[in-house]
Amino acid sequence: AATATIADAKVALATNVRPFVRFWARMFDYTLVSVIVFLLSDVEMPQPIQGESFSDLLTRYMAEMQKPEALLLARTQFFAMIGWHFLEGVLLHVLGTTPGKALFGIRVRQEDGSRLQPLKSVGRSFYVYLLGVGLYQVPFILIGMVFSFFRLMSTGDCLWDQHLGNKV
């Protein structure tokens, strides 16, 4: 009976913390920023040519990525993500959500239900950027997300929300 109760509690916790909903909300926001940066850039991705092998397409792609415009795009994307995390903090303070979080019905508040304080909301955003998604760089993104997933599933809170006293 005790084993069933523990299992039931874990299922209830998993249902309440919704790790995959949180993941897709964050990926929506990341993709939104990435698309905006890409649309404002001068980089054109090579398109497949009929009859072209995958290795030939990959060779053309790698050559395109060595051009100065592509390297500028990579730097712009990195700095855009830093800028996004400042904006995310402002949105969390003012609205309690971001476009991705709003789409998936997620709100971030302090434990007492009030809005996040400005420094806490920006701090949370950068906490997630560094520890949760590892600056969106492989392999750190995988390490951060896997660690965060298991922590969220076992405790019901991510490290940053527990440390800053937030509720999602």
Protein backbone atom coordinates (compact mmCIF):
# COMPACT_ATOMS: atom_id res chain seq x y z
CA ALA A 1 0.00 0.00 0.00
CA ALA A 2 2.87 2.39 0.80
CA THR A 3 4.44 1.70 -2.59
CA ALA A 4 1.17 2.53 -4.36
CA THR A 5 0.90 5.79 -2.40
CA ILE A 6 4.43 6.85 -3.36
CA ALA A 7 3.77 5.96 -7.00
CA ASP A 8 0.48 7.89 -6.93
CA ALA A 9 2.25 10.92 -5.43
CA LYS A 10 4.91 10.82 -8.18
CA VAL A 11 2.26 10.62 -10.91
CA ALA A 12 0.38 13.55 -9.34
CA LEU A 13 3.62 15.55 -9.08
CA ALA A 14 4.46 14.84 -12.74
CA THR A 15 0.98 15.98 -13.79
CA ASN A 16 1.26 19.22 -11.79
CA VAL A 17 4.76 20.31 -12.86
CA ARG A 18 4.17 19.60 -16.60
CA PRO A 19 7.83 19.38 -17.66
CA PHE A 20 7.09 18.92 -21.36
CA VAL A 21 4.68 21.85 -21.47
CA ARG A 22 7.40 24.00 -19.90
CA PHE A 23 9.94 22.65 -22.41
CA TRP A 24 7.75 23.48 -25.42
CA ALA A 25 6.96 26.94 -24.06
CA ARG A 26 10.69 27.68 -23.78
CA MET A 27 11.38 26.24 -27.24
CA PHE A 28 8.60 28.40 -28.70
CA ASP A 29 10.22 31.53 -27.25
CA TYR A 30 13.68 30.43 -28.44
CA THR A 31 12.36 29.69 -31.92
CA LEU A 32 10.53 33.02 -32.06
CA VAL A 33 13.74 34.94 -31.32
CA SER A 34 15.74 32.76 -33.72
CA VAL A 35 13.28 33.26 -36.58
CA ILE A 36 13.30 37.03 -36.08
CA VAL A 37 17.12 37.09 -36.12
CA PHE A 38 17.23 34.87 -39.19
CA LEU A 39 14.65 36.95 -41.07
CA LEU A 40 16.66 40.10 -40.39
CA SER A 41 19.92 38.52 -41.57
CA ASP A 42 21.48 38.30 -45.03
CA VAL A 43 22.14 34.56 -44.81
CA GLU A 44 20.41 32.27 -47.27
CA MET A 45 20.34 28.59 -46.48
CA PRO A 46 21.21 26.32 -49.40
CA GLN A 47 18.15 24.58 -50.78
CA PRO A 48 18.27 21.03 -52.14
CA ILE A 49 18.64 20.74 -55.87
CA GLN A 50 16.73 17.95 -57.60
CA GLY A 51 18.98 14.92 -57.99
CA GLU A 52 21.60 16.29 -55.57
CA SER A 53 22.95 13.87 -52.99
CA PHE A 54 22.71 14.65 -49.30
CA SER A 55 26.50 14.80 -49.01
CA ASP A 56 26.63 17.43 -51.79
CA LEU A 57 23.95 19.48 -50.04
CA LEU A 58 25.85 19.16 -46.77
CA THR A 59 29.07 20.28 -48.49
CA ARG A 60 27.30 23.38 -49.87
CA TYR A 61 25.76 24.05 -46.45
CA MET A 62 29.15 23.84 -44.70
CA ALA A 63 30.67 26.20 -47.29
CA GLU A 64 27.82 28.67 -46.71
CA MET A 65 28.33 28.51 -42.94
CA GLN A 66 31.98 29.58 -43.37
CA LYS A 67 31.01 32.87 -45.00
CA PRO A 68 31.30 36.06 -42.90
CA GLU A 69 27.52 36.59 -43.06
CA ALA A 70 26.89 33.22 -41.41
CA LEU A 71 29.44 33.88 -38.67
CA LEU A 72 27.80 37.26 -38.09
CA LEU A 73 24.43 35.48 -37.86
CA ALA A 74 25.82 33.13 -35.18
CA ARG A 75 27.15 36.04 -33.12
CA THR A 76 23.92 37.98 -33.60
CA GLN A 77 21.92 34.95 -32.47
CA PHE A 78 24.04 34.60 -29.33
CA PHE A 79 23.61 38.27 -28.40
CA ALA A 80 19.93 38.19 -29.35
CA MET A 81 19.43 35.40 -26.82
CA ILE A 82 21.12 37.49 -24.14
CA GLY A 83 18.82 40.37 -25.06
CA TRP A 84 15.84 38.03 -25.07
CA HIS A 85 16.57 36.95 -21.51
CA PHE A 86 16.50 40.57 -20.37
CA LEU A 87 13.17 41.01 -22.18
CA GLU A 88 11.91 37.72 -20.75
CA GLY A 89 12.66 39.03 -17.25
CA VAL A 90 10.71 42.22 -17.98
CA LEU A 91 7.78 40.23 -19.38
CA LEU A 92 7.76 37.94 -16.34
CA HIS A 93 7.73 40.96 -14.04
CA VAL A 94 5.02 42.85 -15.94
CA LEU A 95 2.82 40.04 -17.29
CA GLY A 96 3.96 36.94 -15.42
CA THR A 97 4.42 35.15 -18.74
CA THR A 98 6.17 35.18 -22.12
CA PRO A 99 4.65 34.45 -25.56
CA GLY A 100 5.49 30.74 -25.28
CA LYS A 101 4.35 30.49 -21.67
CA ALA A 102 1.10 32.30 -22.51
CA LEU A 103 0.48 29.94 -25.43
CA PHE A 104 0.83 26.95 -23.10
CA GLY A 105 -1.03 28.50 -20.16
CA ILE A 106 1.96 29.01 -17.88
CA ARG A 107 2.36 31.83 -15.39
CA VAL A 108 5.29 32.54 -13.07
CA ARG A 109 4.59 34.19 -9.73
CA GLN A 110 6.17 34.55 -6.32
CA GLU A 111 5.15 31.96 -3.75
CA ASP A 112 2.55 34.36 -2.29
CA GLY A 113 0.95 34.77 -5.77
CA SER A 114 2.23 38.29 -6.41
CA ARG A 115 4.19 39.39 -9.47
CA LEU A 116 7.91 38.69 -9.57
CA GLN A 117 10.11 41.56 -8.49
CA PRO A 118 12.10 43.08 -11.41
CA LEU A 119 15.52 41.82 -10.33
CA LYS A 120 14.13 38.41 -9.42
CA SER A 121 12.46 38.03 -12.80
CA VAL A 122 15.62 38.97 -14.73
CA GLY A 123 17.67 36.81 -12.37
CA ARG A 124 15.35 33.87 -12.99
CA SER A 125 15.65 34.31 -16.72
CA PHE A 126 19.45 34.27 -16.64
CA TYR A 127 19.46 31.42 -14.11
CA VAL A 128 17.50 29.38 -16.67
CA TYR A 129 19.73 30.61 -19.53
CA LEU A 130 22.88 29.45 -17.77
CA LEU A 131 21.83 26.36 -15.80
CA GLY A 132 18.62 25.26 -17.49
CA VAL A 133 19.56 25.51 -21.16
CA GLY A 134 23.35 25.90 -20.97
CA LEU A 135 23.44 29.04 -23.13
CA TYR A 136 21.71 26.90 -25.81
CA GLN A 137 25.09 25.31 -26.61
CA VAL A 138 25.66 21.59 -27.14
CA PRO A 139 26.38 19.62 -24.91
CA PHE A 140 25.47 22.04 -22.11
CA ILE A 141 21.85 22.35 -23.26
CA LEU A 142 21.43 18.58 -22.94
CA ILE A 143 23.08 18.44 -19.53
CA GLY A 144 21.07 21.38 -18.19
CA MET A 145 17.74 20.15 -19.50
CA VAL A 146 18.22 16.57 -18.32
CA PHE A 147 19.32 17.73 -14.85
CA SER A 148 16.40 20.19 -14.67
CA PHE A 149 13.90 17.56 -15.82
CA PHE A 150 14.89 15.07 -13.14
CA ARG A 151 15.05 17.74 -10.45
CA LEU A 152 11.62 19.04 -11.44
CA MET A 153 10.17 15.53 -11.42
CA SER A 154 11.66 14.62 -8.05
CA THR A 155 11.06 17.86 -6.12
CA GLY A 156 8.32 19.68 -8.05
CA ASP A 157 10.54 22.76 -8.54
CA CYS A 158 13.47 23.68 -10.72
CA LEU A 159 16.59 24.89 -8.93
CA TRP A 160 16.03 28.55 -9.92
CA ASP A 161 12.38 28.61 -8.82
CA GLN A 162 13.21 27.04 -5.45
CA HIS A 163 16.18 29.36 -4.93
CA LEU A 164 14.23 32.51 -5.89
CA GLY A 165 10.93 31.49 -4.24
CA ASN A 166 8.87 31.35 -7.45
CA LYS A 167 5.89 29.20 -8.39
CA VAL A 168 5.12 28.14 -11.95
